[in-house]
């Protein structure tokens, strides 16, 4: 379980960095969100390179997914992982739902 940021770097590629609470105490503050959506995806679903439609928080509630980056890196995320998704420009990332997956988008 961790907190991660997905963002577009100067190379126009998506990158992922871990945001440990000890180094980012502001994440422990109450955040303002515009809405909440619960999303369910079936295991085996694959989405080719795409950007996020807007900046959002995504919390994996159940299941496992893989995020693919332009350099071939694949990162796995599971229950309890929190992602701040900011790659709204650039090449984007791929998404593969390894198992049935439920997440909360904010």
N, C-alpha and C. Protein backbone atom coordinates (compact mmCIF):
# COMPACT_ATOMS: atom_id res chain seq x y z
N UNK A 1 0.85 -1.17 0.00
CA UNK A 1 0.00 0.00 0.00
C UNK A 1 0.90 1.23 0.00
N UNK A 2 0.57 2.20 -0.85
CA UNK A 2 1.37 3.41 -0.91
C UNK A 2 0.61 4.53 -1.59
N UNK A 3 1.25 5.69 -1.63
CA UNK A 3 0.71 6.87 -2.30
C UNK A 3 1.67 7.19 -3.43
N UNK A 4 1.14 7.37 -4.64
CA UNK A 4 1.95 7.57 -5.82
C UNK A 4 1.42 8.74 -6.64
N UNK A 5 2.32 9.36 -7.39
CA UNK A 5 1.95 10.44 -8.30
C UNK A 5 2.34 10.01 -9.71
N UNK A 6 1.38 10.11 -10.63
CA UNK A 6 1.63 9.87 -12.05
C UNK A 6 1.60 11.22 -12.74
N UNK A 7 2.67 11.57 -13.45
CA UNK A 7 2.77 12.89 -14.05
C UNK A 7 3.52 12.82 -15.38
N UNK A 8 3.36 13.85 -16.20
CA UNK A 8 4.07 13.95 -17.46
C UNK A 8 5.37 14.72 -17.23
N UNK A 9 6.48 14.10 -17.61
CA UNK A 9 7.79 14.73 -17.45
C UNK A 9 8.14 15.59 -18.65
N UNK A 10 9.29 16.27 -18.59
CA UNK A 10 9.73 17.11 -19.70
C UNK A 10 9.98 16.32 -20.98
N UNK A 11 10.13 15.00 -20.87
CA UNK A 11 10.31 14.13 -22.04
C UNK A 11 8.98 13.74 -22.68
N UNK A 12 7.88 14.29 -22.17
CA UNK A 12 6.53 14.03 -22.67
C UNK A 12 6.04 12.61 -22.35
N UNK A 13 6.72 11.93 -21.43
CA UNK A 13 6.35 10.58 -21.01
C UNK A 13 5.77 10.62 -19.60
N UNK A 14 4.93 9.64 -19.29
CA UNK A 14 4.39 9.51 -17.95
C UNK A 14 5.43 8.88 -17.04
N UNK A 15 5.53 9.40 -15.83
CA UNK A 15 6.43 8.88 -14.80
C UNK A 15 5.62 8.64 -13.54
N UNK A 16 6.12 7.76 -12.68
CA UNK A 16 5.46 7.47 -11.40
C UNK A 16 6.48 7.65 -10.30
N UNK A 17 6.08 8.40 -9.27
CA UNK A 17 6.93 8.56 -8.10
C UNK A 17 6.12 8.25 -6.85
N UNK A 18 6.79 7.68 -5.86
CA UNK A 18 6.12 7.42 -4.58
C UNK A 18 6.13 8.69 -3.76
N UNK A 19 5.04 8.94 -3.04
CA UNK A 19 4.91 10.12 -2.18
C UNK A 19 4.78 9.66 -0.74
N UNK A 20 5.88 9.40 -0.04
CA UNK A 20 5.77 8.99 1.36
C UNK A 20 5.19 10.11 2.21
N UNK A 21 4.27 9.76 3.09
CA UNK A 21 3.64 10.78 3.95
C UNK A 21 4.67 11.54 4.77
N UNK A 22 5.74 10.88 5.17
CA UNK A 22 6.75 11.55 5.98
C UNK A 22 7.41 12.70 5.23
N UNK A 23 7.49 12.61 3.90
CA UNK A 23 8.09 13.66 3.10
C UNK A 23 7.06 14.64 2.54
N UNK A 24 5.78 14.28 2.63
CA UNK A 24 4.70 15.11 2.08
C UNK A 24 3.57 15.24 3.10
N UNK A 25 3.82 15.92 4.22
CA UNK A 25 2.79 16.02 5.26
C UNK A 25 1.52 16.70 4.79
N UNK A 26 1.61 17.50 3.72
CA UNK A 26 0.41 18.16 3.19
C UNK A 26 -0.64 17.15 2.72
N UNK A 27 -0.21 15.94 2.38
CA UNK A 27 -1.17 14.92 1.96
C UNK A 27 -2.03 14.44 3.12
N UNK A 28 -1.59 14.69 4.34
CA UNK A 28 -2.36 14.33 5.52
C UNK A 28 -3.45 15.33 5.84
N UNK A 29 -3.44 16.46 5.13
CA UNK A 29 -4.47 17.49 5.32
C UNK A 29 -5.73 17.10 4.55
N UNK A 30 -6.87 17.60 5.00
CA UNK A 30 -8.13 17.35 4.31
C UNK A 30 -8.07 17.98 2.92
N UNK A 31 -8.38 17.20 1.89
CA UNK A 31 -8.35 17.65 0.51
C UNK A 31 -9.77 17.95 0.04
N UNK A 32 -9.92 18.97 -0.79
CA UNK A 32 -11.20 19.31 -1.39
C UNK A 32 -11.34 18.57 -2.71
N UNK A 33 -12.46 17.89 -2.91
CA UNK A 33 -12.73 17.20 -4.17
C UNK A 33 -14.08 17.67 -4.70
N UNK A 34 -14.25 17.59 -6.03
CA UNK A 34 -15.49 18.03 -6.66
C UNK A 34 -16.55 16.93 -6.68
N UNK A 35 -16.12 15.69 -6.65
CA UNK A 35 -17.08 14.59 -6.73
C UNK A 35 -16.39 13.27 -6.49
N UNK A 36 -17.20 12.22 -6.47
CA UNK A 36 -16.70 10.87 -6.23
C UNK A 36 -17.40 9.93 -7.19
N UNK A 37 -16.63 9.05 -7.81
CA UNK A 37 -17.18 8.04 -8.71
C UNK A 37 -16.59 6.69 -8.32
N UNK A 38 -17.44 5.69 -8.18
CA UNK A 38 -16.98 4.33 -7.96
C UNK A 38 -16.99 3.65 -9.33
N UNK A 39 -15.87 3.04 -9.69
CA UNK A 39 -15.72 2.46 -11.01
C UNK A 39 -15.35 0.98 -10.88
N UNK A 40 -15.95 0.15 -11.72
CA UNK A 40 -15.64 -1.28 -11.72
C UNK A 40 -15.18 -1.67 -13.11
N UNK A 41 -14.08 -2.43 -13.18
CA UNK A 41 -13.55 -2.93 -14.45
C UNK A 41 -13.30 -4.42 -14.34
N UNK A 42 -13.57 -5.14 -15.42
CA UNK A 42 -13.38 -6.59 -15.43
C UNK A 42 -11.91 -6.93 -15.63
N UNK A 43 -11.48 -8.00 -14.97
CA UNK A 43 -10.12 -8.50 -15.17
C UNK A 43 -9.89 -8.84 -16.63
N UNK A 44 -8.68 -8.57 -17.12
CA UNK A 44 -8.34 -8.84 -18.51
C UNK A 44 -8.50 -7.64 -19.42
N UNK A 45 -9.22 -6.60 -18.98
CA UNK A 45 -9.42 -5.41 -19.81
C UNK A 45 -8.08 -4.68 -19.98
N UNK A 46 -7.80 -4.23 -21.20
CA UNK A 46 -6.57 -3.50 -21.50
C UNK A 46 -6.91 -2.19 -22.20
N UNK A 47 -6.27 -1.12 -21.77
CA UNK A 47 -6.42 0.19 -22.41
C UNK A 47 -5.04 0.61 -22.89
N UNK A 48 -4.90 0.82 -24.21
CA UNK A 48 -3.61 1.22 -24.78
C UNK A 48 -3.26 2.63 -24.31
N UNK A 49 -2.14 3.16 -24.76
CA UNK A 49 -1.65 4.45 -24.27
C UNK A 49 -2.74 5.52 -24.31
N UNK A 50 -2.92 6.18 -23.20
CA UNK A 50 -3.91 7.25 -23.05
C UNK A 50 -3.47 8.16 -21.92
N UNK A 51 -3.97 9.39 -21.94
CA UNK A 51 -3.75 10.31 -20.82
C UNK A 51 -4.99 10.29 -19.94
N UNK A 52 -4.82 10.78 -18.73
CA UNK A 52 -5.97 10.96 -17.85
C UNK A 52 -6.82 12.11 -18.41
N UNK A 53 -8.14 12.02 -18.33
CA UNK A 53 -8.99 13.10 -18.84
C UNK A 53 -8.89 14.37 -18.01
N UNK A 54 -8.52 14.23 -16.74
CA UNK A 54 -8.33 15.38 -15.86
C UNK A 54 -7.54 14.92 -14.64
N UNK A 55 -7.06 15.89 -13.89
CA UNK A 55 -6.33 15.56 -12.66
C UNK A 55 -7.31 14.91 -11.69
N UNK A 56 -6.88 13.80 -11.06
CA UNK A 56 -7.78 13.08 -10.16
C UNK A 56 -7.01 12.23 -9.18
N UNK A 57 -7.68 11.91 -8.11
CA UNK A 57 -7.19 10.92 -7.15
C UNK A 57 -7.88 9.61 -7.48
N UNK A 58 -7.16 8.49 -7.38
CA UNK A 58 -7.75 7.18 -7.59
C UNK A 58 -7.28 6.27 -6.48
N UNK A 59 -8.21 5.65 -5.80
CA UNK A 59 -7.91 4.72 -4.71
C UNK A 59 -8.40 3.34 -5.13
N UNK A 60 -7.50 2.37 -5.17
CA UNK A 60 -7.88 1.00 -5.50
C UNK A 60 -8.54 0.39 -4.26
N UNK A 61 -9.78 -0.04 -4.41
CA UNK A 61 -10.52 -0.66 -3.31
C UNK A 61 -10.35 -2.18 -3.32
N UNK A 62 -10.38 -2.78 -4.51
CA UNK A 62 -10.16 -4.23 -4.62
C UNK A 62 -9.61 -4.54 -6.00
N UNK A 63 -8.92 -5.66 -6.10
CA UNK A 63 -8.37 -6.08 -7.38
C UNK A 63 -6.95 -5.58 -7.60
N UNK A 64 -6.42 -5.95 -8.75
CA UNK A 64 -5.05 -5.57 -9.11
C UNK A 64 -5.02 -5.05 -10.53
N UNK A 65 -4.20 -4.02 -10.77
CA UNK A 65 -4.02 -3.49 -12.11
C UNK A 65 -2.56 -3.20 -12.36
N UNK A 66 -2.21 -3.09 -13.63
CA UNK A 66 -0.85 -2.75 -14.03
C UNK A 66 -0.88 -1.49 -14.88
N UNK A 67 0.03 -0.58 -14.60
CA UNK A 67 0.21 0.64 -15.38
C UNK A 67 1.51 0.50 -16.16
N UNK A 68 1.44 0.65 -17.48
CA UNK A 68 2.62 0.56 -18.33
C UNK A 68 3.07 1.95 -18.75
N UNK A 69 4.39 2.14 -18.75
CA UNK A 69 4.97 3.43 -19.13
C UNK A 69 5.69 3.30 -20.48
N UNK A 70 5.98 4.44 -21.09
CA UNK A 70 6.60 4.46 -22.41
C UNK A 70 7.96 3.78 -22.47
N UNK A 71 8.68 3.72 -21.36
CA UNK A 71 10.00 3.08 -21.36
C UNK A 71 9.93 1.57 -21.12
N UNK A 72 8.72 1.03 -21.07
CA UNK A 72 8.54 -0.41 -20.87
C UNK A 72 8.34 -0.82 -19.43
N UNK A 73 8.51 0.11 -18.49
CA UNK A 73 8.28 -0.18 -17.08
C UNK A 73 6.81 -0.50 -16.84
N UNK A 74 6.53 -1.50 -16.01
CA UNK A 74 5.16 -1.84 -15.61
C UNK A 74 5.11 -1.81 -14.09
N UNK A 75 4.17 -1.04 -13.54
CA UNK A 75 3.99 -0.96 -12.09
C UNK A 75 2.65 -1.58 -11.73
N UNK A 76 2.65 -2.39 -10.67
CA UNK A 76 1.42 -3.04 -10.20
C UNK A 76 0.85 -2.27 -9.01
N UNK A 77 -0.47 -2.16 -8.98
CA UNK A 77 -1.17 -1.50 -7.88
C UNK A 77 -2.30 -2.40 -7.40
N UNK A 78 -2.56 -2.36 -6.09
CA UNK A 78 -3.59 -3.19 -5.51
C UNK A 78 -4.36 -2.45 -4.43
N UNK A 79 -5.16 -3.18 -3.66
CA UNK A 79 -6.02 -2.58 -2.65
C UNK A 79 -5.25 -1.67 -1.69
N UNK A 80 -5.79 -0.48 -1.50
CA UNK A 80 -5.20 0.50 -0.60
C UNK A 80 -4.24 1.46 -1.26
N UNK A 81 -3.81 1.16 -2.49
CA UNK A 81 -2.91 2.08 -3.18
C UNK A 81 -3.69 3.32 -3.61
N UNK A 82 -3.06 4.47 -3.42
CA UNK A 82 -3.64 5.76 -3.77
C UNK A 82 -2.77 6.38 -4.84
N UNK A 83 -3.39 6.87 -5.92
CA UNK A 83 -2.63 7.53 -6.99
C UNK A 83 -3.19 8.91 -7.27
N UNK A 84 -2.31 9.88 -7.31
CA UNK A 84 -2.63 11.22 -7.80
C UNK A 84 -2.26 11.20 -9.27
N UNK A 85 -3.25 11.25 -10.13
CA UNK A 85 -3.03 11.09 -11.56
C UNK A 85 -3.04 12.47 -12.21
N UNK A 86 -1.89 12.86 -12.75
CA UNK A 86 -1.73 14.18 -13.35
C UNK A 86 -1.18 14.12 -14.77
N UNK A 87 -1.13 12.96 -15.39
CA UNK A 87 -0.59 12.87 -16.75
C UNK A 87 -1.68 13.17 -17.78
N UNK A 88 -2.10 14.42 -17.81
CA UNK A 88 -3.19 14.85 -18.69
C UNK A 88 -2.68 15.29 -20.07
N UNK A 89 -1.36 15.28 -20.26
CA UNK A 89 -0.74 15.59 -21.55
C UNK A 89 0.31 14.52 -21.83
N UNK A 90 0.89 14.57 -23.01
CA UNK A 90 1.99 13.67 -23.34
C UNK A 90 1.54 12.32 -23.86
N UNK A 91 2.46 11.37 -23.85
CA UNK A 91 2.26 10.04 -24.41
C UNK A 91 1.26 9.21 -23.61
N UNK A 92 1.20 9.43 -22.31
CA UNK A 92 0.24 8.72 -21.47
C UNK A 92 0.78 7.39 -20.97
N UNK A 93 -0.13 6.52 -20.57
CA UNK A 93 0.20 5.24 -19.96
C UNK A 93 -0.80 4.19 -20.44
N UNK A 94 -0.46 2.92 -20.25
CA UNK A 94 -1.40 1.85 -20.52
C UNK A 94 -1.97 1.36 -19.19
N UNK A 95 -3.13 0.74 -19.25
CA UNK A 95 -3.74 0.16 -18.05
C UNK A 95 -4.21 -1.24 -18.38
N UNK A 96 -3.85 -2.19 -17.53
CA UNK A 96 -4.34 -3.57 -17.68
C UNK A 96 -4.90 -4.01 -16.34
N UNK A 97 -6.16 -4.39 -16.34
CA UNK A 97 -6.81 -4.88 -15.13
C UNK A 97 -6.52 -6.37 -15.02
N UNK A 98 -5.65 -6.74 -14.09
CA UNK A 98 -5.22 -8.12 -13.92
C UNK A 98 -6.38 -8.97 -13.39
N UNK A 99 -7.11 -8.43 -12.43
CA UNK A 99 -8.29 -9.10 -11.86
C UNK A 99 -9.44 -8.10 -11.88
N UNK A 100 -10.64 -8.57 -11.56
CA UNK A 100 -11.75 -7.63 -11.41
C UNK A 100 -11.31 -6.54 -10.46
N UNK A 101 -11.64 -5.30 -10.77
CA UNK A 101 -11.06 -4.16 -10.07
C UNK A 101 -12.15 -3.15 -9.74
N UNK A 102 -12.16 -2.68 -8.51
CA UNK A 102 -13.07 -1.61 -8.09
C UNK A 102 -12.22 -0.48 -7.54
N UNK A 103 -12.51 0.75 -7.98
CA UNK A 103 -11.74 1.90 -7.51
C UNK A 103 -12.67 3.07 -7.24
N UNK A 104 -12.17 4.00 -6.44
CA UNK A 104 -12.87 5.26 -6.18
C UNK A 104 -12.08 6.37 -6.85
N UNK A 105 -12.75 7.14 -7.70
CA UNK A 105 -12.13 8.27 -8.40
C UNK A 105 -12.65 9.56 -7.78
N UNK A 106 -11.74 10.48 -7.53
CA UNK A 106 -12.13 11.77 -6.97
C UNK A 106 -11.44 12.87 -7.74
